Amino acid sequence: MVNEMVQKLLDEIKTAIPTLPALQKKVGIFICEHPQMLGLLSLSEFAERIGVSRPTVSRFCRSLGYKGFLEFSRSVQRVIEDDISHAGFFRHAYAQNACAAAGGVAHAVVERDMINMHKLLNNLPAEAISRCVKKMRECVSISVVGRMSAYPFAVYFEQLLAKISDKVCSLSGSDVMQAAAISRLDEHSLVFCIAFPRYSRVAVDLAAQAKRRKAVVVGITNSEFSPLAPLSDILFTLDVDIVSYIDLMGPVMALINILCVEFGHAQYTATEQRLRDYDALVEESFFLRNATHAKH
């Protein structure tokens, strides 16, 4: 099943095919006959499958108005990701991993994680991080929104923040607690909203409610085309190749860690005292000390 946006692209390619040089026609025909391969292959793999040179594929992409194959491939992959189901993600992952050498799936998975982390490192949004940490220091309350696949990120983020700050106002509890927390949001509140394809309607609605209540909204998402983008006062976009939802874990967790570490350093004395109090509590109430094991 080809979604509407991909079908529109295929129709555009079919219209262009008669006007293209012979080798570029081969590229267009291959894409129309194998739309399931869109966004999966590298430039070299794409050219090899079709039997043309890499420059030919690049010229074909430019004829459609893209800067080159990389922009074309990323645009197509984003369209696929935005509409893909869980079963679709599984098929998508299987198709991409099938391109790996025999026995190389584990290597391909780890390599993809490393590529995604390198993208974050090479495009670290230092200015946005600085602005965000400043707002975290100035605000009275901090909340985190994340639903569906983003829920673990929200809980992890809340837990890290709660250890170093008393500003956390949880939005991950029951509906009653959530409604009570939302009713207290105002211009002195900061709300982190995390959402990736497929975007949770609940998370986007909560971001919109926070915006209406004049809270500062910080979006963590995949691109400027995300529904969180127009709602965000500060936007973090992670350029992640999403073959499965687990591909988000490394970059999102790293960004969360960065924000918490920067925030902790910015309020060093308060953070140290909070951690001292936390350590004292958990040592007394949550850990077993000098536990003896029964001898057999």
Foldseek 3Di string as FASTA:
>chain_A
DDDPVLVVVLVVLVVCLVVDPPLLNLLSVVCNVCVLCQLQDDLVVSCVVSVHDSVSQQVSCVVVVDNGDVRRRLVSLQVCQQPADQVRLVVLLVVNLVPDPVVCSVVVVVVQLVVLVVQCVVPPPVVLLVVVLVLVVQAQAEEEADDDLCVVLRVVLLVLCVLQDPRYQYCNDDPVSNVVSLVPAALRYEYEQEAEHPGDPVSLVSLVSNVVRNYAYEYEYADCPDSCNVSHPRYHHRPHSPSDSVSVPNVSVVVSVSSSVVNCVVVVVSRVVSNVVVVVVCVPPPDDPPDDDDDD
